[in-house]
Amino acid sequence: MREVATIQTRLTPAQVKDLLGRHAAGEGKHELAKRFGIHPATVNKHLLRQKGRRRGVTNERSERVIGLYVDDGYTMEEVGRELELSQRTVGRILEGAGVPRRPPGRRAPK
């Protein structure tokens, strides 16, 4: 049985610029992946490259996670959606900062 070959799509510099602009305007990663015919992970790689980093969360973003969770009463899932982070990453940031987890559910902001 033959395997079906996957065609690799490489974006031109102009397409990458368009992709970054569309993301900045609010278009989601999955929408961009469909539009450009690439995998969502490839969209993410372009976004991280543009930011000048590949992994990790900046201190400013960690502070934003903590603020949304502690001060604004967001759930971990809501924080993740807001900042395009996984719920697991949000949990790790909170744990690393020594923030105790609340029972499930949203609470009123301070």
PDB file of N, CA and C in Angstrom:
ATOM      1  N   MET A   1       0.838  -1.175   0.000  1.00  0.00           N
ATOM      2  CA  MET A   1       0.000   0.000   0.000  1.00  0.00           C
ATOM      3  C   MET A   1       0.891   1.248   0.000  1.00  0.00           C
ATOM      4  N   ARG A   2       0.598   2.172  -0.872  1.00  0.00           N
ATOM      5  CA  ARG A   2       1.372   3.409  -0.967  1.00  0.00           C
ATOM      6  C   ARG A   2       0.877   4.442   0.027  1.00  0.00           C
ATOM      7  N   GLU A   3       1.821   5.194   0.562  1.00  0.00           N
ATOM      8  CA  GLU A   3       1.453   6.299   1.444  1.00  0.00           C
ATOM      9  C   GLU A   3       1.206   7.531   0.597  1.00  0.00           C
ATOM     10  N   VAL A   4       0.280   8.344   1.029  1.00  0.00           N
ATOM     11  CA  VAL A   4      -0.006   9.595   0.340  1.00  0.00           C
ATOM     12  C   VAL A   4       0.999  10.628   0.825  1.00  0.00           C
ATOM     13  N   ALA A   5       1.687  11.242  -0.106  1.00  0.00           N
ATOM     14  CA  ALA A   5       2.696  12.247   0.248  1.00  0.00           C
ATOM     15  C   ALA A   5       2.013  13.545   0.664  1.00  0.00           C
ATOM     16  N   THR A   6       2.571  14.178   1.677  1.00  0.00           N
ATOM     17  CA  THR A   6       2.081  15.473   2.115  1.00  0.00           C
ATOM     18  C   THR A   6       2.854  16.551   1.373  1.00  0.00           C
ATOM     19  N   ILE A   7       2.131  17.474   0.807  1.00  0.00           N
ATOM     20  CA  ILE A   7       2.780  18.566   0.090  1.00  0.00           C
ATOM     21  C   ILE A   7       3.097  19.663   1.091  1.00  0.00           C
ATOM     22  N   GLN A   8       4.356  20.055   1.104  1.00  0.00           N
ATOM     23  CA  GLN A   8       4.790  21.089   2.035  1.00  0.00           C
ATOM     24  C   GLN A   8       4.540  22.454   1.413  1.00  0.00           C
ATOM     25  N   THR A   9       3.860  23.301   2.143  1.00  0.00           N
ATOM     26  CA  THR A   9       3.563  24.647   1.674  1.00  0.00           C
ATOM     27  C   THR A   9       4.495  25.621   2.370  1.00  0.00           C
ATOM     28  N   ARG A  10       5.282  26.320   1.594  1.00  0.00           N
ATOM     29  CA  ARG A  10       6.165  27.350   2.152  1.00  0.00           C
ATOM     30  C   ARG A  10       5.585  28.713   1.801  1.00  0.00           C
ATOM     31  N   LEU A  11       5.512  29.557   2.804  1.00  0.00           N
ATOM     32  CA  LEU A  11       4.984  30.891   2.578  1.00  0.00           C
ATOM     33  C   LEU A  11       6.092  31.828   2.110  1.00  0.00           C
ATOM     34  N   THR A  12       5.722  32.717   1.203  1.00  0.00           N
ATOM     35  CA  THR A  12       6.658  33.747   0.759  1.00  0.00           C
ATOM     36  C   THR A  12       6.759  34.800   1.867  1.00  0.00           C
ATOM     37  N   PRO A  13       7.786  35.640   1.844  1.00  0.00           N
ATOM     38  CA  PRO A  13       7.855  36.717   2.846  1.00  0.00           C
ATOM     39  C   PRO A  13       6.608  37.606   2.840  1.00  0.00           C
ATOM     40  N   ALA A  14       6.043  37.849   1.668  1.00  0.00           N
ATOM     41  CA  ALA A  14       4.826  38.668   1.582  1.00  0.00           C
ATOM     42  C   ALA A  14       3.651  37.958   2.256  1.00  0.00           C
ATOM     43  N   GLN A  15       3.555  36.641   2.093  1.00  0.00           N
ATOM     44  CA  GLN A  15       2.481  35.882   2.726  1.00  0.00           C
ATOM     45  C   GLN A  15       2.646  35.863   4.250  1.00  0.00           C
ATOM     46  N   VAL A  16       3.886  35.741   4.711  1.00  0.00           N
ATOM     47  CA  VAL A  16       4.135  35.764   6.161  1.00  0.00           C
ATOM     48  C   VAL A  16       3.721  37.120   6.727  1.00  0.00           C
ATOM     49  N   LYS A  17       4.060  38.180   6.027  1.00  0.00           N
ATOM     50  CA  LYS A  17       3.682  39.522   6.466  1.00  0.00           C
ATOM     51  C   LYS A  17       2.159  39.655   6.520  1.00  0.00           C
ATOM     52  N   ASP A  18       1.474  39.113   5.506  1.00  0.00           N
ATOM     53  CA  ASP A  18       0.019  39.130   5.472  1.00  0.00           C
ATOM     54  C   ASP A  18      -0.551  38.332   6.649  1.00  0.00           C
ATOM     55  N   LEU A  19       0.007  37.156   6.893  1.00  0.00           N
ATOM     56  CA  LEU A  19      -0.424  36.306   8.001  1.00  0.00           C
ATOM     57  C   LEU A  19      -0.285  37.049   9.331  1.00  0.00           C
ATOM     58  N   LEU A  20       0.852  37.677   9.551  1.00  0.00           N
ATOM     59  CA  LEU A  20       1.089  38.405  10.799  1.00  0.00           C
ATOM     60  C   LEU A  20       0.120  39.573  10.955  1.00  0.00           C
ATOM     61  N   GLY A  21      -0.129  40.269   9.858  1.00  0.00           N
ATOM     62  CA  GLY A  21      -1.068  41.388   9.894  1.00  0.00           C
ATOM     63  C   GLY A  21      -2.485  40.941  10.206  1.00  0.00           C
ATOM     64  N   ARG A  22      -2.905  39.845   9.591  1.00  0.00           N
ATOM     65  CA  ARG A  22      -4.238  39.318   9.842  1.00  0.00           C
ATOM     66  C   ARG A  22      -4.378  38.848  11.289  1.00  0.00           C
ATOM     67  N   HIS A  23      -3.318  38.235  11.832  1.00  0.00           N
ATOM     68  CA  HIS A  23      -3.371  37.797  13.239  1.00  0.00           C
ATOM     69  C   HIS A  23      -3.465  39.008  14.164  1.00  0.00           C
ATOM     70  N   ALA A  24      -2.682  40.043  13.872  1.00  0.00           N
ATOM     71  CA  ALA A  24      -2.719  41.255  14.693  1.00  0.00           C
ATOM     72  C   ALA A  24      -4.105  41.911  14.651  1.00  0.00           C
ATOM     73  N   ALA A  25      -4.815  41.728  13.519  1.00  0.00           N
ATOM     74  CA  ALA A  25      -6.155  42.290  13.378  1.00  0.00           C
ATOM     75  C   ALA A  25      -7.226  41.416  14.034  1.00  0.00           C
ATOM     76  N   GLY A  26      -6.801  40.259  14.585  1.00  0.00           N
ATOM     77  CA  GLY A  26      -7.740  39.443  15.334  1.00  0.00           C
ATOM     78  C   GLY A  26      -8.132  38.120  14.712  1.00  0.00           C
ATOM     79  N   GLU A  27      -7.592  37.793  13.554  1.00  0.00           N
ATOM     80  CA  GLU A  27      -7.926  36.512  12.937  1.00  0.00           C
ATOM     81  C   GLU A  27      -7.243  35.384  13.711  1.00  0.00           C
ATOM     82  N   GLY A  28      -7.957  34.308  13.966  1.00  0.00           N
ATOM     83  CA  GLY A  28      -7.452  33.196  14.765  1.00  0.00           C
ATOM     84  C   GLY A  28      -6.462  32.322  14.012  1.00  0.00           C
ATOM     85  N   LYS A  29      -5.712  31.542  14.778  1.00  0.00           N
ATOM     86  CA  LYS A  29      -4.671  30.684  14.201  1.00  0.00           C
ATOM     87  C   LYS A  29      -5.254  29.634  13.260  1.00  0.00           C
ATOM     88  N   HIS A  30      -6.385  29.045  13.629  1.00  0.00           N
ATOM     89  CA  HIS A  30      -6.974  28.004  12.785  1.00  0.00           C
ATOM     90  C   HIS A  30      -7.535  28.600  11.493  1.00  0.00           C
ATOM     91  N   GLU A  31      -8.105  29.796  11.584  1.00  0.00           N
ATOM     92  CA  GLU A  31      -8.584  30.483  10.375  1.00  0.00           C
ATOM     93  C   GLU A  31      -7.417  30.788   9.441  1.00  0.00           C
ATOM     94  N   LEU A  32      -6.322  31.259  10.019  1.00  0.00           N
ATOM     95  CA  LEU A  32      -5.142  31.572   9.214  1.00  0.00           C
ATOM     96  C   LEU A  32      -4.574  30.313   8.566  1.00  0.00           C
ATOM     97  N   ALA A  33      -4.558  29.224   9.309  1.00  0.00           N
ATOM     98  CA  ALA A  33      -4.042  27.965   8.765  1.00  0.00           C
ATOM     99  C   ALA A  33      -4.847  27.546   7.542  1.00  0.00           C
ATOM    100  N   LYS A  34      -6.163  27.637   7.640  1.00  0.00           N
ATOM    101  CA  LYS A  34      -7.014  27.285   6.492  1.00  0.00           C
ATOM    102  C   LYS A  34      -6.782  28.241   5.327  1.00  0.00           C
ATOM    103  N   ARG A  35      -6.720  29.527   5.632  1.00  0.00           N
ATOM    104  CA  ARG A  35      -6.556  30.539   4.582  1.00  0.00           C
ATOM    105  C   ARG A  35      -5.259  30.325   3.792  1.00  0.00           C
ATOM    106  N   PHE A  36      -4.175  29.994   4.492  1.00  0.00           N
ATOM    107  CA  PHE A  36      -2.877  29.866   3.842  1.00  0.00           C
ATOM    108  C   PHE A  36      -2.511  28.424   3.487  1.00  0.00           C
ATOM    109  N   GLY A  37      -3.377  27.478   3.849  1.00  0.00           N
ATOM    110  CA  GLY A  37      -3.134  26.082   3.506  1.00  0.00           C
ATOM    111  C   GLY A  37      -1.963  25.471   4.249  1.00  0.00           C
ATOM    112  N   ILE A  38      -1.827  25.853   5.527  1.00  0.00           N
ATOM    113  CA  ILE A  38      -0.738  25.341   6.352  1.00  0.00           C
ATOM    114  C   ILE A  38      -1.318  24.798   7.655  1.00  0.00           C
ATOM    115  N   HIS A  39      -0.502  24.103   8.414  1.00  0.00           N
ATOM    116  CA  HIS A  39      -0.926  23.541   9.696  1.00  0.00           C
ATOM    117  C   HIS A  39      -0.948  24.651  10.749  1.00  0.00           C
ATOM    118  N   PRO A  40      -1.878  24.592  11.716  1.00  0.00           N
ATOM    119  CA  PRO A  40      -1.909  25.602  12.781  1.00  0.00           C
ATOM    120  C   PRO A  40      -0.583  25.725  13.543  1.00  0.00           C
ATOM    121  N   ALA A  41       0.161  24.636  13.676  1.00  0.00           N
ATOM    122  CA  ALA A  41       1.462  24.713  14.351  1.00  0.00           C
ATOM    123  C   ALA A  41       2.437  25.572  13.553  1.00  0.00           C
ATOM    124  N   THR A  42       2.294  25.553  12.229  1.00  0.00           N
ATOM    125  CA  THR A  42       3.156  26.385  11.380  1.00  0.00           C
ATOM    126  C   THR A  42       2.808  27.852  11.562  1.00  0.00           C
ATOM    127  N   VAL A  43       1.524  28.141  11.709  1.00  0.00           N
ATOM    128  CA  VAL A  43       1.100  29.524  11.989  1.00  0.00           C
ATOM    129  C   VAL A  43       1.759  29.976  13.288  1.00  0.00           C
ATOM    130  N   ASN A  44       1.700  29.126  14.304  1.00  0.00           N
ATOM    131  CA  ASN A  44       2.283  29.456  15.595  1.00  0.00           C
ATOM    132  C   ASN A  44       3.789  29.712  15.488  1.00  0.00           C
ATOM    133  N   LYS A  45       4.480  28.898  14.692  1.00  0.00           N
ATOM    134  CA  LYS A  45       5.926  29.099  14.516  1.00  0.00           C
ATOM    135  C   LYS A  45       6.220  30.465  13.909  1.00  0.00           C
ATOM    136  N   HIS A  46       5.419  30.868  12.919  1.00  0.00           N
ATOM    137  CA  HIS A  46       5.622  32.189  12.310  1.00  0.00           C
ATOM    138  C   HIS A  46       5.377  33.300  13.332  1.00  0.00           C
ATOM    139  N   LEU A  47       4.345  33.140  14.148  1.00  0.00           N
ATOM    140  CA  LEU A  47       4.038  34.155  15.163  1.00  0.00           C
ATOM    141  C   LEU A  47       5.153  34.252  16.200  1.00  0.00           C
ATOM    142  N   LEU A  48       5.669  33.105  16.643  1.00  0.00           N
ATOM    143  CA  LEU A  48       6.755  33.116  17.626  1.00  0.00           C
ATOM    144  C   LEU A  48       8.040  33.684  17.032  1.00  0.00           C
ATOM    145  N   ARG A  49       8.321  33.336  15.785  1.00  0.00           N
ATOM    146  CA  ARG A  49       9.511  33.887  15.122  1.00  0.00           C
ATOM    147  C   ARG A  49       9.429  35.406  15.051  1.00  0.00           C
ATOM    148  N   GLN A  50       8.244  35.895  14.724  1.00  0.00           N
ATOM    149  CA  GLN A  50       8.034  37.340  14.599  1.00  0.00           C
ATOM    150  C   GLN A  50       8.269  38.032  15.937  1.00  0.00           C
ATOM    151  N   LYS A  51       7.921  37.339  17.033  1.00  0.00           N
ATOM    152  CA  LYS A  51       8.121  37.906  18.369  1.00  0.00           C
ATOM    153  C   LYS A  51       9.563  37.783  18.830  1.00  0.00           C
ATOM    154  N   GLY A  52      10.373  37.062  18.062  1.00  0.00           N
ATOM    155  CA  GLY A  52      11.784  36.923  18.408  1.00  0.00           C
ATOM    156  C   GLY A  52      12.048  35.874  19.459  1.00  0.00           C
ATOM    157  N   ARG A  53      11.097  34.966  19.669  1.00  0.00           N
ATOM    158  CA  ARG A  53      11.317  33.899  20.626  1.00  0.00           C
ATOM    159  C   ARG A  53      10.568  32.669  20.158  1.00  0.00           C
ATOM    160  N   ARG A  54      10.967  31.560  20.679  1.00  0.00           N
ATOM    161  CA  ARG A  54      10.338  30.303  20.279  1.00  0.00           C
ATOM    162  C   ARG A  54       9.527  29.682  21.417  1.00  0.00           C
ATOM    163  N   ARG A  55       9.997  29.800  22.626  1.00  0.00           N
ATOM    164  CA  ARG A  55       9.296  29.174  23.745  1.00  0.00           C
ATOM    165  C   ARG A  55       9.284  30.114  24.935  1.00  0.00           C
ATOM    166  N   GLY A  56       8.473  29.771  25.874  1.00  0.00           N
ATOM    167  CA  GLY A  56       8.444  30.526  27.115  1.00  0.00           C
ATOM    168  C   GLY A  56       7.411  31.635  27.105  1.00  0.00           C
ATOM    169  N   VAL A  57       7.098  32.097  28.274  1.00  0.00           N
ATOM    170  CA  VAL A  57       6.128  33.153  28.452  1.00  0.00           C
ATOM    171  C   VAL A  57       6.857  34.316  29.110  1.00  0.00           C
ATOM    172  N   THR A  58       6.660  35.504  28.580  1.00  0.00           N
ATOM    173  CA  THR A  58       7.341  36.675  29.127  1.00  0.00           C
ATOM    174  C   THR A  58       6.832  36.987  30.528  1.00  0.00           C
ATOM    175  N   ASN A  59       7.619  37.746  31.280  1.00  0.00           N
ATOM    176  CA  ASN A  59       7.206  38.164  32.622  1.00  0.00           C
ATOM    177  C   ASN A  59       5.920  38.986  32.570  1.00  0.00           C
ATOM    178  N   GLU A  60       5.821  39.841  31.558  1.00  0.00           N
ATOM    179  CA  GLU A  60       4.628  40.684  31.424  1.00  0.00           C
ATOM    180  C   GLU A  60       3.385  39.818  31.213  1.00  0.00           C
ATOM    181  N   ARG A  61       3.542  38.778  30.402  1.00  0.00           N
ATOM    182  CA  ARG A  61       2.404  37.905  30.130  1.00  0.00           C
ATOM    183  C   ARG A  61       2.053  37.084  31.376  1.00  0.00           C
ATOM    184  N   SER A  62       3.054  36.664  32.117  1.00  0.00           N
ATOM    185  CA  SER A  62       2.802  35.943  33.374  1.00  0.00           C
ATOM    186  C   SER A  62       2.045  36.841  34.350  1.00  0.00           C
ATOM    187  N   GLU A  63       2.440  38.095  34.431  1.00  0.00           N
ATOM    188  CA  GLU A  63       1.752  39.042  35.310  1.00  0.00           C
ATOM    189  C   GLU A  63       0.306  39.231  34.874  1.00  0.00           C
ATOM    190  N   ARG A  64       0.079  39.236  33.568  1.00  0.00           N
ATOM    191  CA  ARG A  64      -1.288  39.363  33.027  1.00  0.00           C
ATOM    192  C   ARG A  64      -2.122  38.130  33.406  1.00  0.00           C
ATOM    193  N   VAL A  65      -1.521  36.943  33.317  1.00  0.00           N
ATOM    194  CA  VAL A  65      -2.207  35.708  33.717  1.00  0.00           C
ATOM    195  C   VAL A  65      -2.645  35.818  35.172  1.00  0.00           C
ATOM    196  N   ILE A  66      -1.724  36.203  36.029  1.00  0.00           N
ATOM    197  CA  ILE A  66      -2.008  36.307  37.460  1.00  0.00           C
ATOM    198  C   ILE A  66      -3.087  37.358  37.720  1.00  0.00           C
ATOM    199  N   GLY A  67      -2.987  38.484  37.045  1.00  0.00           N
ATOM    200  CA  GLY A  67      -3.982  39.547  37.208  1.00  0.00           C
ATOM    201  C   GLY A  67      -5.382  39.117  36.806  1.00  0.00           C
ATOM    202  N   LEU A  68      -5.492  38.450  35.668  1.00  0.00           N
ATOM    203  CA  LEU A  68      -6.812  38.001  35.218  1.00  0.00           C
ATOM    204  C   LEU A  68      -7.405  36.975  36.178  1.00  0.00           C
ATOM    205  N   TYR A  69      -6.561  36.089  36.679  1.00  0.00           N
ATOM    206  CA  TYR A  69      -7.035  35.024  37.564  1.00  0.00           C
ATOM    207  C   TYR A  69      -7.357  35.556  38.962  1.00  0.00           C
ATOM    208  N   VAL A  70      -6.427  36.292  39.549  1.00  0.00           N
ATOM    209  CA  VAL A  70      -6.581  36.744  40.933  1.00  0.00           C
ATOM    210  C   VAL A  70      -7.475  37.975  41.035  1.00  0.00           C
ATOM    211  N   ASP A  71      -7.169  39.008  40.260  1.00  0.00           N
ATOM    212  CA  ASP A  71      -7.880  40.280  40.399  1.00  0.00           C
ATOM    213  C   ASP A  71      -9.229  40.309  39.680  1.00  0.00           C
ATOM    214  N   ASP A  72      -9.286  39.708  38.482  1.00  0.00           N
ATOM    215  CA  ASP A  72     -10.501  39.798  37.676  1.00  0.00           C
ATOM    216  C   ASP A  72     -11.424  38.592  37.811  1.00  0.00           C
ATOM    217  N   GLY A  73     -10.974  37.554  38.510  1.00  0.00           N
ATOM    218  CA  GLY A  73     -11.830  36.411  38.775  1.00  0.00           C
ATOM    219  C   GLY A  73     -12.040  35.463  37.610  1.00  0.00           C
ATOM    220  N   TYR A  74     -11.181  35.545  36.575  1.00  0.00           N
ATOM    221  CA  TYR A  74     -11.302  34.631  35.436  1.00  0.00           C
ATOM    222  C   TYR A  74     -10.983  33.210  35.881  1.00  0.00           C
ATOM    223  N   THR A  75     -11.600  32.228  35.209  1.00  0.00           N
ATOM    224  CA  THR A  75     -11.194  30.842  35.409  1.00  0.00           C
ATOM    225  C   THR A  75      -9.901  30.620  34.630  1.00  0.00           C
ATOM    226  N   MET A  76      -9.235  29.506  34.910  1.00  0.00           N
ATOM    227  CA  MET A  76      -7.993  29.209  34.169  1.00  0.00           C
ATOM    228  C   MET A  76      -8.300  29.043  32.680  1.00  0.00           C
ATOM    229  N   GLU A  77      -9.430  28.452  32.355  1.00  0.00           N
ATOM    230  CA  GLU A  77      -9.817  28.277  30.954  1.00  0.00           C
ATOM    231  C   GLU A  77     -10.031  29.635  30.279  1.00  0.00           C
ATOM    232  N   GLU A  78     -10.690  30.555  30.961  1.00  0.00           N
ATOM    233  CA  GLU A  78     -10.929  31.893  30.406  1.00  0.00           C
ATOM    234  C   GLU A  78      -9.622  32.660  30.206  1.00  0.00           C
ATOM    235  N   VAL A  79      -8.714  32.538  31.172  1.00  0.00           N
ATOM    236  CA  VAL A  79      -7.399  33.184  31.040  1.00  0.00           C
ATOM    237  C   VAL A  79      -6.693  32.634  29.806  1.00  0.00           C
ATOM    238  N   GLY A  80      -6.717  31.316  29.658  1.00  0.00           N
ATOM    239  CA  GLY A  80      -6.076  30.690  28.503  1.00  0.00           C
ATOM    240  C   GLY A  80      -6.649  31.174  27.195  1.00  0.00           C
ATOM    241  N   ARG A  81      -7.984  31.247  27.110  1.00  0.00           N
ATOM    242  CA  ARG A  81      -8.612  31.734  25.882  1.00  0.00           C
ATOM    243  C   ARG A  81      -8.237  33.185  25.602  1.00  0.00           C
ATOM    244  N   GLU A  82      -8.259  33.994  26.625  1.00  0.00           N
ATOM    245  CA  GLU A  82      -7.955  35.424  26.483  1.00  0.00           C
ATOM    246  C   GLU A  82      -6.529  35.657  25.979  1.00  0.00           C
ATOM    247  N   LEU A  83      -5.581  34.877  26.493  1.00  0.00           N
ATOM    248  CA  LEU A  83      -4.173  35.104  26.183  1.00  0.00           C
ATOM    249  C   LEU A  83      -3.582  34.072  25.220  1.00  0.00           C
ATOM    250  N   GLU A  84      -4.447  33.219  24.655  1.00  0.00           N
ATOM    251  CA  GLU A  84      -4.016  32.177  23.717  1.00  0.00           C
ATOM    252  C   GLU A  84      -2.945  31.270  24.336  1.00  0.00           C
ATOM    253  N   LEU A  85      -3.243  30.811  25.539  1.00  0.00           N
ATOM    254  CA  LEU A  85      -2.385  29.870  26.250  1.00  0.00           C
ATOM    255  C   LEU A  85      -3.224  28.650  26.608  1.00  0.00           C
ATOM    256  N   SER A  86      -2.583  27.512  26.761  1.00  0.00           N
ATOM    257  CA  SER A  86      -3.321  26.334  27.206  1.00  0.00           C
ATOM    258  C   SER A  86      -3.649  26.488  28.683  1.00  0.00           C
ATOM    259  N   GLN A  87      -4.699  25.786  29.105  1.00  0.00           N
ATOM    260  CA  GLN A  87      -5.068  25.808  30.518  1.00  0.00           C
ATOM    261  C   GLN A  87      -3.929  25.243  31.360  1.00  0.00           C
ATOM    262  N   ARG A  88      -3.216  24.292  30.810  1.00  0.00           N
ATOM    263  CA  ARG A  88      -2.068  23.704  31.511  1.00  0.00           C
ATOM    264  C   ARG A  88      -0.962  24.745  31.736  1.00  0.00           C
ATOM    265  N   THR A  89      -0.686  25.558  30.715  1.00  0.00           N
ATOM    266  CA  THR A  89       0.329  26.609  30.846  1.00  0.00           C
ATOM    267  C   THR A  89      -0.099  27.631  31.891  1.00  0.00           C
ATOM    268  N   VAL A  90      -1.377  27.998  31.867  1.00  0.00           N
ATOM    269  CA  VAL A  90      -1.895  28.939  32.867  1.00  0.00           C
ATOM    270  C   VAL A  90      -1.683  28.368  34.268  1.00  0.00           C
ATOM    271  N   GLY A  91      -2.001  27.089  34.445  1.00  0.00           N
ATOM    272  CA  GLY A  91      -1.814  26.446  35.746  1.00  0.00           C
ATOM    273  C   GLY A  91      -0.367  26.449  36.191  1.00  0.00           C
ATOM    274  N   ARG A  92       0.538  26.205  35.263  1.00  0.00           N
ATOM    275  CA  ARG A  92       1.972  26.208  35.597  1.00  0.00           C
ATOM    276  C   ARG A  92       2.447  27.598  36.014  1.00  0.00           C
ATOM    277  N   ILE A  93       1.961  28.617  35.318  1.00  0.00           N
ATOM    278  CA  ILE A  93       2.343  29.992  35.660  1.00  0.00           C
ATOM    279  C   ILE A  93       1.847  30.324  37.067  1.00  0.00           C
ATOM    280  N   LEU A  94       0.586  29.989  37.350  1.00  0.00           N
ATOM    281  CA  LEU A  94       0.018  30.277  38.665  1.00  0.00           C
ATOM    282  C   LEU A  94       0.750  29.507  39.757  1.00  0.00           C
ATOM    283  N   GLU A  95       1.035  28.247  39.495  1.00  0.00           N
ATOM    284  CA  GLU A  95       1.759  27.415  40.468  1.00  0.00           C
ATOM    285  C   GLU A  95       3.151  27.977  40.735  1.00  0.00           C
ATOM    286  N   GLY A  96       3.838  28.376  39.675  1.00  0.00           N
ATOM    287  CA  GLY A  96       5.182  28.929  39.805  1.00  0.00           C
ATOM    288  C   GLY A  96       5.218  30.227  40.596  1.00  0.00           C
ATOM    289  N   ALA A  97       4.091  30.954  40.534  1.00  0.00           N
ATOM    290  CA  ALA A  97       4.004  32.224  41.269  1.00  0.00           C
ATOM    291  C   ALA A  97       3.456  32.023  42.676  1.00  0.00           C
ATOM    292  N   GLY A  98       3.131  30.772  43.028  1.00  0.00           N
ATOM    293  CA  GLY A  98       2.611  30.501  44.360  1.00  0.00           C
ATOM    294  C   GLY A  98       1.163  30.908  44.562  1.00  0.00           C
ATOM    295  N   VAL A  99       0.420  31.049  43.457  1.00  0.00           N
ATOM    296  CA  VAL A  99      -0.990  31.432  43.553  1.00  0.00           C
ATOM    297  C   VAL A  99      -1.825  30.177  43.808  1.00  0.00           C
ATOM    298  N   PRO A 100      -2.569  30.127  44.914  1.00  0.00           N
ATOM    299  CA  PRO A 100      -3.399  28.948  45.180  1.00  0.00           C
ATOM    300  C   PRO A 100      -4.561  28.868  44.193  1.00  0.00           C
ATOM    301  N   ARG A 101      -4.913  27.641  43.825  1.00  0.00           N
ATOM    302  CA  ARG A 101      -6.036  27.451  42.911  1.00  0.00           C
ATOM    303  C   ARG A 101      -7.352  27.564  43.662  1.00  0.00           C
ATOM    304  N   ARG A 102      -8.330  28.147  42.981  1.00  0.00           N
ATOM    305  CA  ARG A 102      -9.670  28.273  43.539  1.00  0.00           C
ATOM    306  C   ARG A 102     -10.501  27.053  43.151  1.00  0.00           C
ATOM    307  N   PRO A 103     -11.617  26.854  43.835  1.00  0.00           N
ATOM    308  CA  PRO A 103     -12.546  25.832  43.373  1.00  0.00           C
ATOM    309  C   PRO A 103     -13.047  26.222  41.972  1.00  0.00           C
ATOM    310  N   PRO A 104     -13.498  25.258  41.168  1.00  0.00           N
ATOM    311  CA  PRO A 104     -13.975  25.572  39.817  1.00  0.00           C
ATOM    312  C   PRO A 104     -15.062  26.631  39.803  1.00  0.00           C
ATOM    313  N   GLY A 105     -15.075  27.421  38.754  1.00  0.00           N
ATOM    314  CA  GLY A 105     -16.091  28.449  38.576  1.00  0.00           C
ATOM    315  C   GLY A 105     -15.524  29.841  38.700  1.00  0.00           C
ATOM    316  N   ARG A 106     -16.216  30.775  38.071  1.00  0.00           N
ATOM    317  CA  ARG A 106     -15.782  32.167  38.083  1.00  0.00           C
ATOM    318  C   ARG A 106     -16.252  32.833  39.369  1.00  0.00           C
ATOM    319  N   ARG A 107     -15.458  33.768  39.819  1.00  0.00           N
ATOM    320  CA  ARG A 107     -15.852  34.520  41.001  1.00  0.00           C
ATOM    321  C   ARG A 107     -15.875  35.996  40.640  1.00  0.00           C
ATOM    322  N   ALA A 108     -16.499  36.794  41.464  1.00  0.00           N
ATOM    323  CA  ALA A 108     -16.576  38.232  41.206  1.00  0.00           C
ATOM    324  C   ALA A 108     -15.200  38.857  41.360  1.00  0.00           C
ATOM    325  N   PRO A 109     -14.856  39.812  40.457  1.00  0.00           N
ATOM    326  CA  PRO A 109     -13.553  40.498  40.594  1.00  0.00           C
ATOM    327  C   PRO A 109     -13.484  41.303  41.872  1.00  0.00           C
ATOM    328  N   LYS A 110     -12.255  41.557  42.313  1.00  0.00           N
ATOM    329  CA  LYS A 110     -12.036  42.357  43.536  1.00  0.00           C
ATOM    330  C   LYS A 110     -12.512  43.776  43.335  1.00  0.00           C
TER     331      LYS A 110
END
